[in-house]
């Protein structure tokens, strides 16, 4: 009986979570007249798959996809390399003031992003980086507090004897990090990569602030073509949103095992 109750609760919760996704799919297949009809229909009267073709042709979404892939790839690479190396230093390289410095790094998580928004823009503007991808990519190569914390917890589970044995063989810390640290922290690395991909792929505010040239636009900015001052083409907007969401779903589906292991801070080094 308990299993049945759990199944019913999980099924109900799953339906609640998936219902917005179904509403997006349903809306993307409707005509605008049906979208605006009242009462709303849960299923489209006619399944207009051609909406997806019209959506893709409404703007240069192929170019937007390439731009987004370039930014996302560089951000993922930067986050994985910088955060893992910094986390290894905090976990396995003893130096004076290490704990204090790590506490300061964690304290930066308490600062809202909007507080640093204007100073960052002024800095990047003085560097001449506005209307380039540098403001969107370069910060990823300097680490982030949450990713550093997550990876440090994994590195802490690696036995110090293993590190000392490698040092006695003449290995440098960079070699130990590359040959021992990275392979043993694959779940955490995968988690950081997934978070980074999701954040960069869905970033709207950054491209909106720094990109002025339409040839540099990302997918999130490109979707605004369906939103006007007087009306919004909801069917095309939902179709475009689903196309943009699809890579995120695929990435999570194939890497969910590593993602779950990465969230479990006790699985590092096993």
C-alpha atoms as a PDB file:
ATOM      1  CA  UNK A   1       0.000   0.000   0.000  1.00  0.00           C
ATOM      2  CA  UNK A   2       2.826   2.392   0.845  1.00  0.00           C
ATOM      3  CA  UNK A   3       4.445   1.723  -2.530  1.00  0.00           C
ATOM      4  CA  UNK A   4       1.160   2.526  -4.269  1.00  0.00           C
ATOM      5  CA  UNK A   5       0.837   5.815  -2.384  1.00  0.00           C
ATOM      6  CA  UNK A   6       4.420   6.733  -3.249  1.00  0.00           C
ATOM      7  CA  UNK A   7       3.795   5.898  -6.898  1.00  0.00           C
ATOM      8  CA  UNK A   8       0.645   8.028  -7.019  1.00  0.00           C
ATOM      9  CA  UNK A   9       2.405  10.972  -5.354  1.00  0.00           C
ATOM     10  CA  UNK A  10       5.397  10.720  -7.670  1.00  0.00           C
ATOM     11  CA  UNK A  11       3.138  10.428 -10.714  1.00  0.00           C
ATOM     12  CA  UNK A  12       1.142  13.471  -9.619  1.00  0.00           C
ATOM     13  CA  UNK A  13       4.309  15.455  -8.954  1.00  0.00           C
ATOM     14  CA  UNK A  14       5.726  14.465 -12.348  1.00  0.00           C
ATOM     15  CA  UNK A  15       2.556  15.590 -14.113  1.00  0.00           C
ATOM     16  CA  UNK A  16       2.691  18.942 -12.344  1.00  0.00           C
ATOM     17  CA  UNK A  17       6.319  19.434 -13.369  1.00  0.00           C
ATOM     18  CA  UNK A  18       5.758  18.337 -16.970  1.00  0.00           C
ATOM     19  CA  UNK A  19       2.517  20.283 -17.491  1.00  0.00           C
ATOM     20  CA  UNK A  20       4.276  23.601 -18.366  1.00  0.00           C
ATOM     21  CA  UNK A  21       6.417  21.743 -20.896  1.00  0.00           C
ATOM     22  CA  UNK A  22       3.298  20.215 -22.459  1.00  0.00           C
ATOM     23  CA  UNK A  23       1.634  23.640 -22.526  1.00  0.00           C
ATOM     24  CA  UNK A  24       4.643  25.022 -24.426  1.00  0.00           C
ATOM     25  CA  UNK A  25       4.456  22.163 -26.930  1.00  0.00           C
ATOM     26  CA  UNK A  26       0.703  22.526 -27.314  1.00  0.00           C
ATOM     27  CA  UNK A  27       0.916  26.291 -27.821  1.00  0.00           C
ATOM     28  CA  UNK A  28       3.722  25.924 -30.358  1.00  0.00           C
ATOM     29  CA  UNK A  29       1.452  23.788 -32.558  1.00  0.00           C
ATOM     30  CA  UNK A  30      -1.573  26.100 -32.508  1.00  0.00           C
ATOM     31  CA  UNK A  31      -2.588  28.999 -34.677  1.00  0.00           C
ATOM     32  CA  UNK A  32      -2.640  32.456 -33.089  1.00  0.00           C
ATOM     33  CA  UNK A  33      -6.438  32.448 -33.211  1.00  0.00           C
ATOM     34  CA  UNK A  34      -6.533  29.254 -31.177  1.00  0.00           C
ATOM     35  CA  UNK A  35      -3.873  30.525 -28.773  1.00  0.00           C
ATOM     36  CA  UNK A  36      -6.005  33.593 -27.991  1.00  0.00           C
ATOM     37  CA  UNK A  37      -9.288  31.695 -27.799  1.00  0.00           C
ATOM     38  CA  UNK A  38     -11.202  31.391 -24.517  1.00  0.00           C
ATOM     39  CA  UNK A  39     -11.517  29.020 -22.832  1.00  0.00           C
ATOM     40  CA  UNK A  40      -8.050  27.788 -23.746  1.00  0.00           C
ATOM     41  CA  UNK A  41      -7.652  24.365 -25.321  1.00  0.00           C
ATOM     42  CA  UNK A  42      -5.331  21.819 -23.777  1.00  0.00           C
ATOM     43  CA  UNK A  43      -4.805  20.051 -27.101  1.00  0.00           C
ATOM     44  CA  UNK A  44      -4.374  21.862 -30.438  1.00  0.00           C
ATOM     45  CA  UNK A  45      -7.226  21.448 -32.902  1.00  0.00           C
ATOM     46  CA  UNK A  46      -4.719  20.985 -35.721  1.00  0.00           C
ATOM     47  CA  UNK A  47      -1.080  20.064 -35.183  1.00  0.00           C
ATOM     48  CA  UNK A  48       0.781  22.767 -37.102  1.00  0.00           C
ATOM     49  CA  UNK A  49       4.313  21.371 -37.211  1.00  0.00           C
ATOM     50  CA  UNK A  50       5.083  23.959 -39.869  1.00  0.00           C
ATOM     51  CA  UNK A  51       5.238  26.508 -37.035  1.00  0.00           C
ATOM     52  CA  UNK A  52       8.728  25.240 -36.246  1.00  0.00           C
ATOM     53  CA  UNK A  53       9.890  25.831 -39.806  1.00  0.00           C
ATOM     54  CA  UNK A  54       8.406  29.319 -39.845  1.00  0.00           C
ATOM     55  CA  UNK A  55      10.014  30.022 -36.474  1.00  0.00           C
ATOM     56  CA  UNK A  56      13.460  29.040 -37.726  1.00  0.00           C
ATOM     57  CA  UNK A  57      13.040  31.115 -40.881  1.00  0.00           C
ATOM     58  CA  UNK A  58      11.762  34.213 -39.067  1.00  0.00           C
ATOM     59  CA  UNK A  59      15.309  35.209 -38.040  1.00  0.00           C
ATOM     60  CA  UNK A  60      18.875  33.956 -38.706  1.00  0.00           C
ATOM     61  CA  UNK A  61      18.605  31.296 -36.003  1.00  0.00           C
ATOM     62  CA  UNK A  62      21.349  29.201 -37.583  1.00  0.00           C
ATOM     63  CA  UNK A  63      23.809  32.026 -36.969  1.00  0.00           C
ATOM     64  CA  UNK A  64      22.384  32.564 -33.487  1.00  0.00           C
ATOM     65  CA  UNK A  65      22.903  28.868 -32.739  1.00  0.00           C
ATOM     66  CA  UNK A  66      26.530  28.990 -33.866  1.00  0.00           C
ATOM     67  CA  UNK A  67      27.134  32.095 -31.749  1.00  0.00           C
ATOM     68  CA  UNK A  68      25.544  30.477 -28.703  1.00  0.00           C
ATOM     69  CA  UNK A  69      27.554  27.271 -29.185  1.00  0.00           C
ATOM     70  CA  UNK A  70      30.823  29.225 -29.389  1.00  0.00           C
ATOM     71  CA  UNK A  71      30.081  31.157 -26.192  1.00  0.00           C
ATOM     72  CA  UNK A  72      28.800  28.100 -24.334  1.00  0.00           C
ATOM     73  CA  UNK A  73      31.757  25.912 -25.302  1.00  0.00           C
ATOM     74  CA  UNK A  74      34.286  28.509 -24.176  1.00  0.00           C
ATOM     75  CA  UNK A  75      32.419  29.120 -20.915  1.00  0.00           C
ATOM     76  CA  UNK A  76      32.280  25.389 -20.134  1.00  0.00           C
ATOM     77  CA  UNK A  77      36.000  24.970 -20.861  1.00  0.00           C
ATOM     78  CA  UNK A  78      36.875  28.024 -18.786  1.00  0.00           C
ATOM     79  CA  UNK A  79      34.750  26.995 -15.823  1.00  0.00           C
ATOM     80  CA  UNK A  80      36.007  23.416 -15.766  1.00  0.00           C
ATOM     81  CA  UNK A  81      39.690  24.321 -16.015  1.00  0.00           C
ATOM     82  CA  UNK A  82      39.775  27.363 -13.734  1.00  0.00           C
ATOM     83  CA  UNK A  83      37.467  26.097 -11.004  1.00  0.00           C
ATOM     84  CA  UNK A  84      39.054  22.654 -10.814  1.00  0.00           C
ATOM     85  CA  UNK A  85      42.581  24.081 -10.621  1.00  0.00           C
ATOM     86  CA  UNK A  86      41.647  26.669  -7.983  1.00  0.00           C
ATOM     87  CA  UNK A  87      39.748  24.044  -5.979  1.00  0.00           C
ATOM     88  CA  UNK A  88      42.748  21.713  -6.087  1.00  0.00           C
ATOM     89  CA  UNK A  89      44.906  24.492  -4.677  1.00  0.00           C
ATOM     90  CA  UNK A  90      42.528  25.123  -1.789  1.00  0.00           C
ATOM     91  CA  UNK A  91      42.241  21.402  -1.039  1.00  0.00           C
ATOM     92  CA  UNK A  92      45.764  20.044  -1.493  1.00  0.00           C
ATOM     93  CA  UNK A  93      48.314  22.881  -1.487  1.00  0.00           C
ATOM     94  CA  UNK A  94      49.024  24.172   2.039  1.00  0.00           C
ATOM     95  CA  UNK A  95      49.799  27.885   2.270  1.00  0.00           C
ATOM     96  CA  UNK A  96      49.392  30.609   4.874  1.00  0.00           C
ATOM     97  CA  UNK A  97      45.929  32.124   4.981  1.00  0.00           C
ATOM     98  CA  UNK A  98      44.355  29.369   2.892  1.00  0.00           C
ATOM     99  CA  UNK A  99      41.239  28.990   5.046  1.00  0.00           C
ATOM    100  CA  UNK A 100      40.753  32.743   5.304  1.00  0.00           C
ATOM    101  CA  UNK A 101      41.064  33.182   1.562  1.00  0.00           C
ATOM    102  CA  UNK A 102      38.639  30.331   0.960  1.00  0.00           C
ATOM    103  CA  UNK A 103      36.160  31.950   3.360  1.00  0.00           C
ATOM    104  CA  UNK A 104      36.447  35.202   1.395  1.00  0.00           C
ATOM    105  CA  UNK A 105      35.772  33.320  -1.828  1.00  0.00           C
ATOM    106  CA  UNK A 106      32.654  31.747  -0.315  1.00  0.00           C
ATOM    107  CA  UNK A 107      31.535  35.153   0.997  1.00  0.00           C
ATOM    108  CA  UNK A 108      31.314  36.425  -2.582  1.00  0.00           C
ATOM    109  CA  UNK A 109      28.321  34.115  -3.034  1.00  0.00           C
ATOM    110  CA  UNK A 110      26.388  36.471  -0.759  1.00  0.00           C
ATOM    111  CA  UNK A 111      26.830  39.404  -3.156  1.00  0.00           C
ATOM    112  CA  UNK A 112      23.869  39.716  -5.572  1.00  0.00           C
ATOM    113  CA  UNK A 113      24.896  39.738  -9.201  1.00  0.00           C
ATOM    114  CA  UNK A 114      23.011  42.985  -9.845  1.00  0.00           C
ATOM    115  CA  UNK A 115      25.290  44.806  -7.382  1.00  0.00           C
ATOM    116  CA  UNK A 116      28.336  44.202  -9.590  1.00  0.00           C
ATOM    117  CA  UNK A 117      26.459  44.637 -12.873  1.00  0.00           C
ATOM    118  CA  UNK A 118      27.221  48.331 -13.417  1.00  0.00           C
ATOM    119  CA  UNK A 119      30.890  48.200 -12.273  1.00  0.00           C
ATOM    120  CA  UNK A 120      31.474  45.224 -14.571  1.00  0.00           C
ATOM    121  CA  UNK A 121      29.903  47.025 -17.511  1.00  0.00           C
ATOM    122  CA  UNK A 122      32.003  50.143 -16.873  1.00  0.00           C
ATOM    123  CA  UNK A 123      35.151  47.995 -16.681  1.00  0.00           C
ATOM    124  CA  UNK A 124      34.405  46.112 -19.887  1.00  0.00           C
ATOM    125  CA  UNK A 125      33.438  49.343 -21.656  1.00  0.00           C
ATOM    126  CA  UNK A 126      36.786  50.926 -20.742  1.00  0.00           C
ATOM    127  CA  UNK A 127      38.550  47.818 -22.036  1.00  0.00           C
ATOM    128  CA  UNK A 128      36.683  48.171 -25.329  1.00  0.00           C
ATOM    129  CA  UNK A 129      34.978  44.807 -24.937  1.00  0.00           C
ATOM    130  CA  UNK A 130      31.390  45.965 -25.481  1.00  0.00           C
ATOM    131  CA  UNK A 131      29.852  44.337 -28.572  1.00  0.00           C
ATOM    132  CA  UNK A 132      32.286  41.413 -28.297  1.00  0.00           C
ATOM    133  CA  UNK A 133      32.105  37.994 -26.669  1.00  0.00           C
ATOM    134  CA  UNK A 134      34.879  38.790 -24.160  1.00  0.00           C
ATOM    135  CA  UNK A 135      32.568  39.943 -21.318  1.00  0.00           C
ATOM    136  CA  UNK A 136      30.581  36.709 -21.690  1.00  0.00           C
ATOM    137  CA  UNK A 137      33.565  34.348 -21.887  1.00  0.00           C
ATOM    138  CA  UNK A 138      36.570  35.773 -20.028  1.00  0.00           C
ATOM    139  CA  UNK A 139      34.996  35.764 -16.503  1.00  0.00           C
ATOM    140  CA  UNK A 140      34.544  31.991 -16.792  1.00  0.00           C
ATOM    141  CA  UNK A 141      38.343  31.579 -16.757  1.00  0.00           C
ATOM    142  CA  UNK A 142      38.613  33.197 -13.309  1.00  0.00           C
ATOM    143  CA  UNK A 143      36.483  30.771 -11.319  1.00  0.00           C
ATOM    144  CA  UNK A 144      33.232  31.028  -9.369  1.00  0.00           C
ATOM    145  CA  UNK A 145      32.668  30.464  -5.661  1.00  0.00           C
ATOM    146  CA  UNK A 146      30.044  27.723  -5.909  1.00  0.00           C
ATOM    147  CA  UNK A 147      31.995  25.636  -8.421  1.00  0.00           C
ATOM    148  CA  UNK A 148      35.191  26.041  -6.418  1.00  0.00           C
ATOM    149  CA  UNK A 149      33.404  24.898  -3.270  1.00  0.00           C
ATOM    150  CA  UNK A 150      31.859  21.891  -5.023  1.00  0.00           C
ATOM    151  CA  UNK A 151      35.139  20.720  -6.542  1.00  0.00           C
ATOM    152  CA  UNK A 152      37.131  21.401  -3.375  1.00  0.00           C
ATOM    153  CA  UNK A 153      34.877  19.028  -1.445  1.00  0.00           C
ATOM    154  CA  UNK A 154      35.707  16.299  -3.937  1.00  0.00           C
ATOM    155  CA  UNK A 155      39.427  16.993  -3.843  1.00  0.00           C
ATOM    156  CA  UNK A 156      39.335  16.809  -0.049  1.00  0.00           C
ATOM    157  CA  UNK A 157      38.266  13.150  -0.303  1.00  0.00           C
ATOM    158  CA  UNK A 158      41.423  12.214  -2.254  1.00  0.00           C
ATOM    159  CA  UNK A 159      43.908  10.676   0.223  1.00  0.00           C
ATOM    160  CA  UNK A 160      46.876  12.918   0.966  1.00  0.00           C
ATOM    161  CA  UNK A 161      49.092   9.818   0.825  1.00  0.00           C
ATOM    162  CA  UNK A 162      48.336   9.566  -2.884  1.00  0.00           C
ATOM    163  CA  UNK A 163      49.400  13.165  -3.437  1.00  0.00           C
ATOM    164  CA  UNK A 164      52.562  12.722  -1.354  1.00  0.00           C
ATOM    165  CA  UNK A 165      53.495   9.552  -3.237  1.00  0.00           C
ATOM    166  CA  UNK A 166      53.189  11.393  -6.536  1.00  0.00           C
ATOM    167  CA  UNK A 167      55.306  14.270  -5.206  1.00  0.00           C
ATOM    168  CA  UNK A 168      58.000  11.835  -4.083  1.00  0.00           C
ATOM    169  CA  UNK A 169      58.127  10.563  -7.660  1.00  0.00           C
ATOM    170  CA  UNK A 170      58.902  14.096  -8.799  1.00  0.00           C
ATOM    171  CA  UNK A 171      55.420  15.073  -9.985  1.00  0.00           C
ATOM    172  CA  UNK A 172      54.459  18.737  -9.795  1.00  0.00           C
ATOM    173  CA  UNK A 173      51.131  19.942  -8.485  1.00  0.00           C
ATOM    174  CA  UNK A 174      50.050  20.741 -12.034  1.00  0.00           C
ATOM    175  CA  UNK A 175      50.849  17.182 -13.119  1.00  0.00           C
ATOM    176  CA  UNK A 176      49.045  15.725 -10.072  1.00  0.00           C
ATOM    177  CA  UNK A 177      45.993  17.874 -10.770  1.00  0.00           C
ATOM    178  CA  UNK A 178      45.926  16.871 -14.427  1.00  0.00           C
ATOM    179  CA  UNK A 179      46.700  13.149 -14.076  1.00  0.00           C
ATOM    180  CA  UNK A 180      45.176  12.327 -10.665  1.00  0.00           C
ATOM    181  CA  UNK A 181      42.802  15.081  -9.594  1.00  0.00           C
ATOM    182  CA  UNK A 182      40.770  15.448 -12.776  1.00  0.00           C
ATOM    183  CA  UNK A 183      40.175  11.705 -13.386  1.00  0.00           C
ATOM    184  CA  UNK A 184      39.090  11.130  -9.778  1.00  0.00           C
ATOM    185  CA  UNK A 185      36.620  14.018  -9.799  1.00  0.00           C
ATOM    186  CA  UNK A 186      34.772  13.255 -13.041  1.00  0.00           C
ATOM    187  CA  UNK A 187      31.292  13.407 -11.426  1.00  0.00           C
ATOM    188  CA  UNK A 188      31.975  16.862  -9.994  1.00  0.00           C
ATOM    189  CA  UNK A 189      33.565  18.011 -13.263  1.00  0.00           C
ATOM    190  CA  UNK A 190      30.472  16.806 -15.136  1.00  0.00           C
ATOM    191  CA  UNK A 191      28.249  18.692 -12.694  1.00  0.00           C
ATOM    192  CA  UNK A 192      30.211  21.916 -13.179  1.00  0.00           C
ATOM    193  CA  UNK A 193      30.094  21.412 -16.950  1.00  0.00           C
ATOM    194  CA  UNK A 194      26.307  20.885 -16.901  1.00  0.00           C
ATOM    195  CA  UNK A 195      25.719  23.954 -14.716  1.00  0.00           C
ATOM    196  CA  UNK A 196      28.034  26.004 -16.927  1.00  0.00           C
ATOM    197  CA  UNK A 197      26.356  24.815 -20.124  1.00  0.00           C
ATOM    198  CA  UNK A 198      22.908  25.564 -18.756  1.00  0.00           C
ATOM    199  CA  UNK A 199      23.921  29.001 -17.507  1.00  0.00           C
ATOM    200  CA  UNK A 200      25.706  30.069 -20.704  1.00  0.00           C
ATOM    201  CA  UNK A 201      23.135  28.567 -23.068  1.00  0.00           C
ATOM    202  CA  UNK A 202      20.208  30.271 -21.303  1.00  0.00           C
ATOM    203  CA  UNK A 203      21.960  33.538 -20.521  1.00  0.00           C
ATOM    204  CA  UNK A 204      19.811  36.471 -21.599  1.00  0.00           C
ATOM    205  CA  UNK A 205      21.006  39.447 -19.562  1.00  0.00           C
ATOM    206  CA  UNK A 206      24.684  39.192 -20.549  1.00  0.00           C
ATOM    207  CA  UNK A 207      24.157  39.198 -24.336  1.00  0.00           C
ATOM    208  CA  UNK A 208      21.451  41.842 -23.950  1.00  0.00           C
ATOM    209  CA  UNK A 209      23.902  44.182 -22.207  1.00  0.00           C
ATOM    210  CA  UNK A 210      27.041  43.635 -24.239  1.00  0.00           C
ATOM    211  CA  UNK A 211      25.964  42.670 -27.767  1.00  0.00           C
ATOM    212  CA  UNK A 212      24.706  45.327 -30.177  1.00  0.00           C
ATOM    213  CA  UNK A 213      25.484  43.725 -33.529  1.00  0.00           C
ATOM    214  CA  UNK A 214      22.722  41.411 -34.737  1.00  0.00           C
ATOM    215  CA  UNK A 215      25.348  39.091 -36.246  1.00  0.00           C
ATOM    216  CA  UNK A 216      26.613  38.420 -32.702  1.00  0.00           C
ATOM    217  CA  UNK A 217      23.212  37.720 -31.136  1.00  0.00           C
ATOM    218  CA  UNK A 218      22.555  34.515 -29.233  1.00  0.00           C
ATOM    219  CA  UNK A 219      19.429  32.354 -29.296  1.00  0.00           C
ATOM    220  CA  UNK A 220      17.954  33.981 -26.195  1.00  0.00           C
ATOM    221  CA  UNK A 221      18.173  37.415 -27.804  1.00  0.00           C
ATOM    222  CA  UNK A 222      16.924  36.047 -31.123  1.00  0.00           C
ATOM    223  CA  UNK A 223      13.696  34.837 -29.524  1.00  0.00           C
ATOM    224  CA  UNK A 224      12.739  38.450 -28.855  1.00  0.00           C
ATOM    225  CA  UNK A 225      11.905  38.822 -32.560  1.00  0.00           C
ATOM    226  CA  UNK A 226       8.500  37.306 -31.755  1.00  0.00           C
ATOM    227  CA  UNK A 227       7.729  39.869 -29.048  1.00  0.00           C
ATOM    228  CA  UNK A 228       6.396  43.223 -30.216  1.00  0.00           C
ATOM    229  CA  UNK A 229       5.178  46.322 -28.411  1.00  0.00           C
ATOM    230  CA  UNK A 230       1.543  45.565 -29.205  1.00  0.00           C
ATOM    231  CA  UNK A 231       1.386  41.804 -29.587  1.00  0.00           C
ATOM    232  CA  UNK A 232       3.412  38.639 -29.137  1.00  0.00           C
ATOM    233  CA  UNK A 233       3.409  35.677 -31.508  1.00  0.00           C
ATOM    234  CA  UNK A 234       3.037  33.122 -28.749  1.00  0.00           C
ATOM    235  CA  UNK A 235       2.936  30.057 -30.990  1.00  0.00           C
ATOM    236  CA  UNK A 236       6.229  30.935 -32.677  1.00  0.00           C
ATOM    237  CA  UNK A 237       7.774  32.054 -29.385  1.00  0.00           C
ATOM    238  CA  UNK A 238       6.901  28.731 -27.742  1.00  0.00           C
ATOM    239  CA  UNK A 239       8.220  26.814 -30.744  1.00  0.00           C
ATOM    240  CA  UNK A 240      11.510  28.699 -30.586  1.00  0.00           C
ATOM    241  CA  UNK A 241      11.717  28.261 -26.822  1.00  0.00           C
ATOM    242  CA  UNK A 242      11.299  24.496 -27.156  1.00  0.00           C
ATOM    243  CA  UNK A 243      14.015  24.337 -29.810  1.00  0.00           C
ATOM    244  CA  UNK A 244      16.338  26.291 -27.517  1.00  0.00           C
ATOM    245  CA  UNK A 245      15.433  24.094 -24.550  1.00  0.00           C
ATOM    246  CA  UNK A 246      16.024  20.820 -26.413  1.00  0.00           C
ATOM    247  CA  UNK A 247      19.874  20.740 -26.100  1.00  0.00           C
ATOM    248  CA  UNK A 248      19.633  21.317 -22.327  1.00  0.00           C
ATOM    249  CA  UNK A 249      17.256  18.377 -21.969  1.00  0.00           C
ATOM    250  CA  UNK A 250      19.497  16.142 -24.090  1.00  0.00           C
ATOM    251  CA  UNK A 251      22.623  17.076 -22.113  1.00  0.00           C
ATOM    252  CA  UNK A 252      20.943  16.359 -18.794  1.00  0.00           C
ATOM    253  CA  UNK A 253      19.434  13.087 -20.058  1.00  0.00           C
ATOM    254  CA  UNK A 254      22.793  11.647 -21.104  1.00  0.00           C
ATOM    255  CA  UNK A 255      24.801  12.965 -18.144  1.00  0.00           C
ATOM    256  CA  UNK A 256      22.284  12.689 -15.324  1.00  0.00           C
ATOM    257  CA  UNK A 257      24.242   9.847 -13.703  1.00  0.00           C
ATOM    258  CA  UNK A 258      27.337  12.017 -13.333  1.00  0.00           C
ATOM    259  CA  UNK A 259      25.185  14.968 -12.283  1.00  0.00           C
ATOM    260  CA  UNK A 260      23.623  13.015  -9.399  1.00  0.00           C
ATOM    261  CA  UNK A 261      27.036  11.713  -8.335  1.00  0.00           C
ATOM    262  CA  UNK A 262      28.440  15.218  -8.504  1.00  0.00           C
ATOM    263  CA  UNK A 263      25.773  16.609  -6.189  1.00  0.00           C
ATOM    264  CA  UNK A 264      26.636  13.854  -3.665  1.00  0.00           C
ATOM    265  CA  UNK A 265      29.677  15.395  -2.018  1.00  0.00           C
ATOM    266  CA  UNK A 266      30.567  12.069  -0.345  1.00  0.00           C
ATOM    267  CA  UNK A 267      31.132  10.229  -3.636  1.00  0.00           C
ATOM    268  CA  UNK A 268      34.398  11.954  -4.476  1.00  0.00           C
ATOM    269  CA  UNK A 269      37.476   9.788  -4.652  1.00  0.00           C
ATOM    270  CA  UNK A 270      35.511   6.524  -4.683  1.00  0.00           C
END
